[in-house]
Amino acid sequence: VDAYVMRPRSVDAIQADWRAIDPNALVVTSPRNAQALIDAIGMNALSALDIVVAIGDTTREAIHAWPVRQAVAPEADLSTLEHWWATVTAIKDAAP
C-alpha cells in the first residue's frame, strides 16, 4: 500500500487499498510512510500483520513501538529486499 508520495494519499484511498490487498506483511520505507499508515488504518490493523520490515535505521526507530514482529532490511534497495524476503519466507516455510 503506497501511503505517502510527496504528500500523504487520502485516508480513504489508503484504507481501500489496504482492504483490497489484506496484507500479512508490510515494508515501511520511511518514518512519514509509517505515520501515514497509522493515521489511515490504525494500530489494530498493523498489529494483525505477521511482520513489518523497515528500510533503514531511521524507519526502524519510527516503528520500534509497534506491537508487531519487526525486521530491518539488510539494504535500502527493493530488489535486495525482495530476494531477502524470499529467503526468509523459504526458511520459515521449511521449519517444522
N, C-alpha and C. Protein backbone atom coordinates (compact mmCIF):
# COMPACT_ATOMS: atom_id res chain seq x y z
N VAL A 1 0.86 -1.16 0.00
CA VAL A 1 0.00 0.00 0.00
C VAL A 1 0.90 1.22 0.00
N ASP A 2 0.82 1.99 -1.03
CA ASP A 2 1.61 3.20 -1.13
C ASP A 2 0.89 4.27 -0.34
N ALA A 3 1.42 4.63 0.81
CA ALA A 3 0.73 5.56 1.70
C ALA A 3 1.24 6.99 1.60
N TYR A 4 2.40 7.19 1.01
CA TYR A 4 2.98 8.53 1.02
C TYR A 4 3.80 8.76 -0.24
N VAL A 5 3.42 9.79 -0.99
CA VAL A 5 4.16 10.19 -2.17
C VAL A 5 4.20 11.71 -2.17
N MET A 6 5.28 12.28 -1.64
CA MET A 6 5.47 13.72 -1.51
C MET A 6 4.45 14.34 -0.56
N ARG A 7 3.28 13.82 -0.53
CA ARG A 7 2.26 14.20 0.44
C ARG A 7 1.42 12.95 0.66
N PRO A 8 0.84 12.82 1.82
CA PRO A 8 0.06 11.60 2.05
C PRO A 8 -1.11 11.48 1.07
N ARG A 9 -1.37 10.23 0.66
CA ARG A 9 -2.57 9.97 -0.13
C ARG A 9 -3.78 10.16 0.79
N SER A 10 -4.94 10.18 0.20
CA SER A 10 -6.14 10.34 1.03
C SER A 10 -6.31 9.09 1.91
N VAL A 11 -6.83 9.32 3.09
CA VAL A 11 -7.08 8.21 4.02
C VAL A 11 -8.00 7.19 3.37
N ASP A 12 -9.02 7.64 2.67
CA ASP A 12 -9.95 6.71 2.01
C ASP A 12 -9.24 5.82 1.00
N ALA A 13 -8.32 6.39 0.23
CA ALA A 13 -7.59 5.60 -0.77
C ALA A 13 -6.69 4.58 -0.11
N ILE A 14 -6.00 4.98 0.95
CA ILE A 14 -5.13 4.04 1.67
C ILE A 14 -5.95 2.91 2.26
N GLN A 15 -7.07 3.26 2.89
CA GLN A 15 -7.92 2.23 3.50
C GLN A 15 -8.49 1.27 2.45
N ALA A 16 -8.90 1.79 1.32
CA ALA A 16 -9.44 0.94 0.26
C ALA A 16 -8.38 -0.03 -0.26
N ASP A 17 -7.16 0.46 -0.48
CA ASP A 17 -6.08 -0.42 -0.92
C ASP A 17 -5.76 -1.47 0.13
N TRP A 18 -5.73 -1.06 1.38
CA TRP A 18 -5.42 -1.99 2.47
C TRP A 18 -6.43 -3.13 2.51
N ARG A 19 -7.71 -2.77 2.43
CA ARG A 19 -8.77 -3.81 2.45
C ARG A 19 -8.66 -4.72 1.23
N ALA A 20 -8.37 -4.16 0.08
CA ALA A 20 -8.30 -4.97 -1.15
C ALA A 20 -7.12 -5.94 -1.11
N ILE A 21 -6.02 -5.50 -0.56
CA ILE A 21 -4.82 -6.34 -0.51
C ILE A 21 -4.86 -7.31 0.65
N ASP A 22 -5.38 -6.87 1.80
CA ASP A 22 -5.42 -7.67 3.02
C ASP A 22 -4.06 -8.29 3.31
N PRO A 23 -3.04 -7.44 3.53
CA PRO A 23 -1.66 -7.93 3.65
C PRO A 23 -1.41 -8.68 4.96
N ASN A 24 -0.39 -9.53 4.92
CA ASN A 24 0.07 -10.18 6.15
C ASN A 24 1.47 -9.69 6.53
N ALA A 25 2.09 -8.89 5.66
CA ALA A 25 3.40 -8.32 5.93
C ALA A 25 3.45 -6.93 5.30
N LEU A 26 4.41 -6.14 5.77
CA LEU A 26 4.49 -4.76 5.32
C LEU A 26 5.94 -4.32 5.27
N VAL A 27 6.30 -3.58 4.23
CA VAL A 27 7.60 -2.92 4.14
C VAL A 27 7.35 -1.43 4.34
N VAL A 28 8.02 -0.86 5.32
CA VAL A 28 7.88 0.56 5.61
C VAL A 28 9.17 1.26 5.16
N THR A 29 9.01 2.23 4.29
CA THR A 29 10.18 2.84 3.65
C THR A 29 10.64 4.14 4.29
N SER A 30 9.82 4.73 5.16
CA SER A 30 10.22 5.98 5.79
C SER A 30 9.37 6.23 7.03
N PRO A 31 9.86 7.08 7.93
CA PRO A 31 9.04 7.44 9.09
C PRO A 31 7.72 8.11 8.70
N ARG A 32 7.74 8.92 7.66
CA ARG A 32 6.49 9.57 7.22
C ARG A 32 5.51 8.54 6.67
N ASN A 33 6.02 7.56 5.96
CA ASN A 33 5.18 6.48 5.46
C ASN A 33 4.55 5.75 6.64
N ALA A 34 5.34 5.48 7.66
CA ALA A 34 4.83 4.79 8.86
C ALA A 34 3.71 5.59 9.50
N GLN A 35 3.92 6.88 9.66
CA GLN A 35 2.90 7.71 10.30
C GLN A 35 1.64 7.80 9.44
N ALA A 36 1.79 7.90 8.13
CA ALA A 36 0.63 7.95 7.24
C ALA A 36 -0.20 6.67 7.37
N LEU A 37 0.48 5.53 7.49
CA LEU A 37 -0.25 4.27 7.66
C LEU A 37 -1.00 4.21 8.98
N ILE A 38 -0.34 4.63 10.06
CA ILE A 38 -1.02 4.65 11.36
C ILE A 38 -2.24 5.57 11.30
N ASP A 39 -2.08 6.74 10.72
CA ASP A 39 -3.18 7.69 10.61
C ASP A 39 -4.34 7.13 9.80
N ALA A 40 -4.03 6.37 8.76
CA ALA A 40 -5.07 5.88 7.85
C ALA A 40 -5.73 4.59 8.32
N ILE A 41 -4.94 3.62 8.74
CA ILE A 41 -5.53 2.30 9.04
C ILE A 41 -5.52 1.94 10.51
N GLY A 42 -4.75 2.64 11.30
CA GLY A 42 -4.75 2.41 12.74
C GLY A 42 -3.81 1.29 13.18
N MET A 43 -3.49 1.34 14.43
CA MET A 43 -2.56 0.38 15.00
C MET A 43 -3.14 -1.03 15.06
N ASN A 44 -4.44 -1.16 15.23
CA ASN A 44 -5.03 -2.51 15.28
C ASN A 44 -4.77 -3.27 14.00
N ALA A 45 -4.93 -2.63 12.86
CA ALA A 45 -4.67 -3.30 11.58
C ALA A 45 -3.20 -3.65 11.45
N LEU A 46 -2.33 -2.76 11.87
CA LEU A 46 -0.89 -3.03 11.79
C LEU A 46 -0.48 -4.16 12.72
N SER A 47 -1.10 -4.23 13.89
CA SER A 47 -0.72 -5.27 14.85
C SER A 47 -1.18 -6.65 14.40
N ALA A 48 -2.06 -6.72 13.42
CA ALA A 48 -2.51 -8.01 12.90
C ALA A 48 -1.53 -8.60 11.88
N LEU A 49 -0.54 -7.82 11.45
CA LEU A 49 0.44 -8.29 10.48
C LEU A 49 1.37 -9.34 11.08
N ASP A 50 1.89 -10.22 10.24
CA ASP A 50 2.88 -11.20 10.70
C ASP A 50 4.22 -10.53 10.97
N ILE A 51 4.57 -9.54 10.15
CA ILE A 51 5.87 -8.88 10.29
C ILE A 51 5.83 -7.54 9.57
N VAL A 52 6.61 -6.60 10.10
CA VAL A 52 6.83 -5.32 9.44
C VAL A 52 8.33 -5.18 9.22
N VAL A 53 8.72 -4.90 7.99
CA VAL A 53 10.13 -4.75 7.65
C VAL A 53 10.41 -3.27 7.39
N ALA A 54 11.37 -2.75 8.13
CA ALA A 54 11.77 -1.35 7.96
C ALA A 54 12.95 -1.28 6.99
N ILE A 55 12.92 -0.25 6.16
CA ILE A 55 14.07 0.03 5.29
C ILE A 55 14.89 1.09 6.01
N GLY A 56 15.98 0.69 6.61
CA GLY A 56 16.89 1.62 7.25
C GLY A 56 16.63 1.83 8.73
N ASP A 57 17.66 2.34 9.39
CA ASP A 57 17.61 2.53 10.84
C ASP A 57 16.64 3.63 11.27
N THR A 58 16.53 4.69 10.49
CA THR A 58 15.61 5.78 10.85
C THR A 58 14.18 5.27 10.84
N THR A 59 13.84 4.48 9.87
CA THR A 59 12.49 3.90 9.80
C THR A 59 12.30 2.89 10.92
N ARG A 60 13.33 2.12 11.22
CA ARG A 60 13.24 1.17 12.34
C ARG A 60 12.92 1.90 13.63
N GLU A 61 13.56 3.03 13.85
CA GLU A 61 13.28 3.83 15.04
C GLU A 61 11.82 4.27 15.07
N ALA A 62 11.27 4.61 13.91
CA ALA A 62 9.89 5.10 13.84
C ALA A 62 8.87 4.03 14.17
N ILE A 63 9.21 2.77 13.92
CA ILE A 63 8.23 1.69 14.15
C ILE A 63 8.55 0.84 15.37
N HIS A 64 9.60 1.18 16.11
CA HIS A 64 10.05 0.30 17.20
C HIS A 64 8.97 0.01 18.24
N ALA A 65 8.02 0.91 18.44
CA ALA A 65 6.97 0.69 19.44
C ALA A 65 5.74 -0.05 18.90
N TRP A 66 5.72 -0.32 17.59
CA TRP A 66 4.57 -1.03 17.03
C TRP A 66 4.50 -2.44 17.61
N PRO A 67 3.32 -2.89 17.99
CA PRO A 67 3.17 -4.22 18.59
C PRO A 67 3.10 -5.33 17.54
N VAL A 68 4.18 -5.49 16.81
CA VAL A 68 4.23 -6.50 15.76
C VAL A 68 5.69 -6.92 15.58
N ARG A 69 5.89 -8.15 15.14
CA ARG A 69 7.25 -8.62 14.87
C ARG A 69 7.89 -7.73 13.81
N GLN A 70 9.15 -7.38 14.01
CA GLN A 70 9.82 -6.44 13.12
C GLN A 70 11.16 -6.97 12.66
N ALA A 71 11.57 -6.47 11.52
CA ALA A 71 12.90 -6.76 10.99
C ALA A 71 13.38 -5.52 10.26
N VAL A 72 14.68 -5.43 10.07
CA VAL A 72 15.25 -4.33 9.28
C VAL A 72 15.86 -4.94 8.03
N ALA A 73 15.51 -4.40 6.89
CA ALA A 73 16.06 -4.89 5.63
C ALA A 73 17.57 -4.73 5.63
N PRO A 74 18.28 -5.69 5.06
CA PRO A 74 19.74 -5.62 5.08
C PRO A 74 20.30 -4.46 4.26
N GLU A 75 19.55 -4.01 3.27
CA GLU A 75 19.96 -2.88 2.44
C GLU A 75 18.72 -2.09 2.04
N ALA A 76 18.89 -0.81 1.78
CA ALA A 76 17.79 0.05 1.37
C ALA A 76 17.60 -0.04 -0.13
N ASP A 77 17.26 -1.22 -0.59
CA ASP A 77 17.11 -1.48 -2.01
C ASP A 77 15.99 -2.51 -2.18
N LEU A 78 14.96 -2.17 -2.92
CA LEU A 78 13.80 -3.05 -3.00
C LEU A 78 14.10 -4.40 -3.67
N SER A 79 15.00 -4.44 -4.65
CA SER A 79 15.31 -5.73 -5.27
C SER A 79 16.07 -6.63 -4.30
N THR A 80 16.96 -6.05 -3.50
CA THR A 80 17.66 -6.83 -2.47
C THR A 80 16.66 -7.30 -1.42
N LEU A 81 15.73 -6.43 -1.06
CA LEU A 81 14.70 -6.79 -0.10
C LEU A 81 13.85 -7.94 -0.60
N GLU A 82 13.51 -7.91 -1.87
CA GLU A 82 12.70 -9.00 -2.46
C GLU A 82 13.43 -10.34 -2.33
N HIS A 83 14.71 -10.37 -2.65
CA HIS A 83 15.50 -11.60 -2.52
C HIS A 83 15.60 -12.03 -1.06
N TRP A 84 15.87 -11.10 -0.18
CA TRP A 84 15.97 -11.38 1.26
C TRP A 84 14.66 -11.94 1.78
N TRP A 85 13.54 -11.32 1.38
CA TRP A 85 12.22 -11.77 1.84
C TRP A 85 11.93 -13.19 1.35
N ALA A 86 12.27 -13.49 0.11
CA ALA A 86 12.05 -14.83 -0.42
C ALA A 86 12.84 -15.86 0.39
N THR A 87 14.05 -15.51 0.77
CA THR A 87 14.88 -16.41 1.58
C THR A 87 14.28 -16.60 2.96
N VAL A 88 13.86 -15.52 3.60
CA VAL A 88 13.25 -15.60 4.93
C VAL A 88 11.99 -16.44 4.89
N THR A 89 11.17 -16.24 3.88
CA THR A 89 9.92 -16.98 3.75
C THR A 89 10.19 -18.47 3.53
N ALA A 90 11.17 -18.78 2.69
CA ALA A 90 11.51 -20.19 2.43
C ALA A 90 11.98 -20.88 3.71
N ILE A 91 12.76 -20.19 4.50
CA ILE A 91 13.24 -20.76 5.76
C ILE A 91 12.06 -20.97 6.72
N LYS A 92 11.17 -19.99 6.80
CA LYS A 92 10.00 -20.10 7.67
C LYS A 92 9.11 -21.26 7.23
N ASP A 93 8.88 -21.38 5.92
CA ASP A 93 8.03 -22.45 5.40
C ASP A 93 8.64 -23.84 5.59
N ALA A 94 9.96 -23.92 5.64
CA ALA A 94 10.64 -25.20 5.80
C ALA A 94 10.73 -25.65 7.26
N ALA A 95 10.49 -24.72 8.19
CA ALA A 95 10.61 -25.06 9.61
C ALA A 95 9.52 -26.05 10.02
N PRO A 96 9.87 -26.96 10.93
CA PRO A 96 8.87 -27.96 11.37
C PRO A 96 7.76 -27.34 12.16
